Amino acid sequence: MRKSTHIVQHTADEITEMRARGEDETDLERLASLDDTGLEAAIEGDDEGQFDWSNAQMGFPRPKQQLTLRLDQDVIDWFKGTGKGYQTRMNAILRSYVSAQKH
């Protein structure tokens, strides 16, 4: 089985709605049938590979810089409507755009 490199995030409410629609991908029947030994074997059998720690680097985020920026009101409203952390999401989107332009 090939692991997906696409990561998605869902709120608890979204997950509840997905389960109600039958979009839950967890095989609860198979899990319920496993005893402790079978469960441990299933976990150990997960082919995640080994992480190469020899190239790992610890880094700290650079400090943010305050900036006055004029944006359209509908853009501001949309981001604020996504909840707490909207400025961080705006930064992530801009960072993604910059990264795409570099390649």
C-alpha atoms as a PDB file:
ATOM      1  CA  MET A   1       0.000   0.000   0.000  1.00  0.00           C
ATOM      2  CA  ARG A   2       1.393   3.411  -0.999  1.00  0.00           C
ATOM      3  CA  LYS A   3       1.171   6.081   1.648  1.00  0.00           C
ATOM      4  CA  SER A   4      -0.318   9.392   0.642  1.00  0.00           C
ATOM      5  CA  THR A   5       1.823  12.495   1.038  1.00  0.00           C
ATOM      6  CA  HIS A   6      -1.249  14.729   0.972  1.00  0.00           C
ATOM      7  CA  ILE A   7      -2.176  15.808   4.492  1.00  0.00           C
ATOM      8  CA  VAL A   8      -5.627  17.139   5.264  1.00  0.00           C
ATOM      9  CA  GLN A   9      -7.043  18.512   8.475  1.00  0.00           C
ATOM     10  CA  HIS A  10     -10.643  18.360   9.636  1.00  0.00           C
ATOM     11  CA  THR A  11     -12.423  19.897  12.588  1.00  0.00           C
ATOM     12  CA  ALA A  12     -14.233  17.649  15.050  1.00  0.00           C
ATOM     13  CA  ASP A  13     -17.561  18.800  13.576  1.00  0.00           C
ATOM     14  CA  GLU A  14     -16.419  17.929  10.046  1.00  0.00           C
ATOM     15  CA  ILE A  15     -15.370  14.460  11.205  1.00  0.00           C
ATOM     16  CA  THR A  16     -18.733  13.933  12.896  1.00  0.00           C
ATOM     17  CA  GLU A  17     -20.510  14.925   9.673  1.00  0.00           C
ATOM     18  CA  MET A  18     -18.267  12.647   7.608  1.00  0.00           C
ATOM     19  CA  ARG A  19     -19.024   9.696   9.892  1.00  0.00           C
ATOM     20  CA  ALA A  20     -22.757  10.424   9.636  1.00  0.00           C
ATOM     21  CA  ARG A  21     -22.440  10.269   5.839  1.00  0.00           C
ATOM     22  CA  GLY A  22     -20.588   6.953   6.076  1.00  0.00           C
ATOM     23  CA  GLU A  23     -17.237   8.385   5.028  1.00  0.00           C
ATOM     24  CA  ASP A  24     -15.371   6.835   7.955  1.00  0.00           C
ATOM     25  CA  GLU A  25     -12.498   4.697   6.639  1.00  0.00           C
ATOM     26  CA  THR A  26     -11.728   2.990   9.942  1.00  0.00           C
ATOM     27  CA  ASP A  27     -12.311  -0.770   9.867  1.00  0.00           C
ATOM     28  CA  LEU A  28     -13.701  -1.041  13.403  1.00  0.00           C
ATOM     29  CA  GLU A  29     -14.842  -4.643  12.924  1.00  0.00           C
ATOM     30  CA  ARG A  30     -11.313  -5.758  12.069  1.00  0.00           C
ATOM     31  CA  LEU A  31      -9.890  -3.832  15.015  1.00  0.00           C
ATOM     32  CA  ALA A  32     -12.451  -5.298  17.406  1.00  0.00           C
ATOM     33  CA  SER A  33     -11.518  -8.823  16.280  1.00  0.00           C
ATOM     34  CA  LEU A  34      -7.812  -8.349  17.140  1.00  0.00           C
ATOM     35  CA  ASP A  35      -6.449  -9.377  20.513  1.00  0.00           C
ATOM     36  CA  ASP A  36      -3.462  -7.540  22.050  1.00  0.00           C
ATOM     37  CA  THR A  37      -0.957  -9.742  20.201  1.00  0.00           C
ATOM     38  CA  GLY A  38      -2.692  -9.227  16.859  1.00  0.00           C
ATOM     39  CA  LEU A  39      -2.932  -5.507  17.426  1.00  0.00           C
ATOM     40  CA  GLU A  40       0.775  -5.261  18.272  1.00  0.00           C
ATOM     41  CA  ALA A  41       1.622  -7.315  15.167  1.00  0.00           C
ATOM     42  CA  ALA A  42      -0.516  -5.030  12.999  1.00  0.00           C
ATOM     43  CA  ILE A  43       1.245  -1.974  14.390  1.00  0.00           C
ATOM     44  CA  GLU A  44       4.686  -3.518  13.924  1.00  0.00           C
ATOM     45  CA  GLY A  45       3.750  -4.576  10.397  1.00  0.00           C
ATOM     46  CA  ASP A  46       3.063  -0.995   9.376  1.00  0.00           C
ATOM     47  CA  ASP A  47       5.663  -0.308   6.699  1.00  0.00           C
ATOM     48  CA  GLU A  48       6.666   3.205   7.622  1.00  0.00           C
ATOM     49  CA  GLY A  49      10.357   2.678   7.030  1.00  0.00           C
ATOM     50  CA  GLN A  50      13.164   4.052   9.125  1.00  0.00           C
ATOM     51  CA  PHE A  51      13.795   7.734   9.573  1.00  0.00           C
ATOM     52  CA  ASP A  52      17.343   8.858   8.801  1.00  0.00           C
ATOM     53  CA  TRP A  53      18.226  11.017  11.788  1.00  0.00           C
ATOM     54  CA  SER A  54      21.758  11.750  10.505  1.00  0.00           C
ATOM     55  CA  ASN A  55      20.493  14.700   8.429  1.00  0.00           C
ATOM     56  CA  ALA A  56      17.942  16.006  10.921  1.00  0.00           C
ATOM     57  CA  GLN A  57      18.279  19.666  11.785  1.00  0.00           C
ATOM     58  CA  MET A  58      16.609  21.615  14.511  1.00  0.00           C
ATOM     59  CA  GLY A  59      15.432  25.031  13.513  1.00  0.00           C
ATOM     60  CA  PHE A  60      13.558  27.860  15.061  1.00  0.00           C
ATOM     61  CA  PRO A  61      11.102  30.010  13.154  1.00  0.00           C
ATOM     62  CA  ARG A  62      12.289  33.457  12.301  1.00  0.00           C
ATOM     63  CA  PRO A  63      10.522  36.193  14.207  1.00  0.00           C
ATOM     64  CA  LYS A  64       7.526  37.704  12.474  1.00  0.00           C
ATOM     65  CA  GLN A  65       7.605  41.301  11.345  1.00  0.00           C
ATOM     66  CA  GLN A  66       4.649  43.576  11.894  1.00  0.00           C
ATOM     67  CA  LEU A  67       3.370  45.129   8.694  1.00  0.00           C
ATOM     68  CA  THR A  68       0.532  47.421   7.739  1.00  0.00           C
ATOM     69  CA  LEU A  69      -1.206  45.926   4.736  1.00  0.00           C
ATOM     70  CA  ARG A  70      -4.307  46.974   2.827  1.00  0.00           C
ATOM     71  CA  LEU A  71      -6.528  44.084   1.760  1.00  0.00           C
ATOM     72  CA  ASP A  72      -9.996  43.919   0.234  1.00  0.00           C
ATOM     73  CA  GLN A  73     -12.715  43.671   2.871  1.00  0.00           C
ATOM     74  CA  ASP A  74     -14.168  40.444   1.441  1.00  0.00           C
ATOM     75  CA  VAL A  75     -10.737  38.781   1.706  1.00  0.00           C
ATOM     76  CA  ILE A  76     -10.385  39.869   5.333  1.00  0.00           C
ATOM     77  CA  ASP A  77     -13.928  38.718   6.136  1.00  0.00           C
ATOM     78  CA  TRP A  78     -13.322  35.309   4.561  1.00  0.00           C
ATOM     79  CA  PHE A  79     -10.111  34.678   6.492  1.00  0.00           C
ATOM     80  CA  LYS A  80     -11.585  35.928   9.761  1.00  0.00           C
ATOM     81  CA  GLY A  81     -14.561  33.659   9.119  1.00  0.00           C
ATOM     82  CA  THR A  82     -12.232  30.646   9.164  1.00  0.00           C
ATOM     83  CA  GLY A  83     -11.691  31.197  12.872  1.00  0.00           C
ATOM     84  CA  LYS A  84      -8.809  31.723  15.237  1.00  0.00           C
ATOM     85  CA  GLY A  85      -5.398  31.640  13.605  1.00  0.00           C
ATOM     86  CA  TYR A  86      -6.511  33.312  10.391  1.00  0.00           C
ATOM     87  CA  GLN A  87      -3.353  35.432  10.196  1.00  0.00           C
ATOM     88  CA  THR A  88      -1.219  32.304  10.447  1.00  0.00           C
ATOM     89  CA  ARG A  89      -3.233  30.755   7.600  1.00  0.00           C
ATOM     90  CA  MET A  90      -2.769  33.901   5.512  1.00  0.00           C
ATOM     91  CA  ASN A  91       0.984  33.674   6.112  1.00  0.00           C
ATOM     92  CA  ALA A  92       1.015  29.977   5.154  1.00  0.00           C
ATOM     93  CA  ILE A  93      -0.806  30.702   1.893  1.00  0.00           C
ATOM     94  CA  LEU A  94       1.596  33.508   1.032  1.00  0.00           C
ATOM     95  CA  ARG A  95       4.567  31.282   1.923  1.00  0.00           C
ATOM     96  CA  SER A  96       3.206  28.534  -0.334  1.00  0.00           C
ATOM     97  CA  TYR A  97       2.824  31.021  -3.190  1.00  0.00           C
ATOM     98  CA  VAL A  98       6.381  32.313  -2.733  1.00  0.00           C
ATOM     99  CA  SER A  99       7.720  28.748  -2.667  1.00  0.00           C
ATOM    100  CA  ALA A 100       5.838  27.862  -5.859  1.00  0.00           C
ATOM    101  CA  GLN A 101       7.222  30.938  -7.617  1.00  0.00           C
ATOM    102  CA  LYS A 102      10.795  29.980  -6.678  1.00  0.00           C
ATOM    103  CA  HIS A 103      10.464  26.614  -8.434  1.00  0.00           C
END
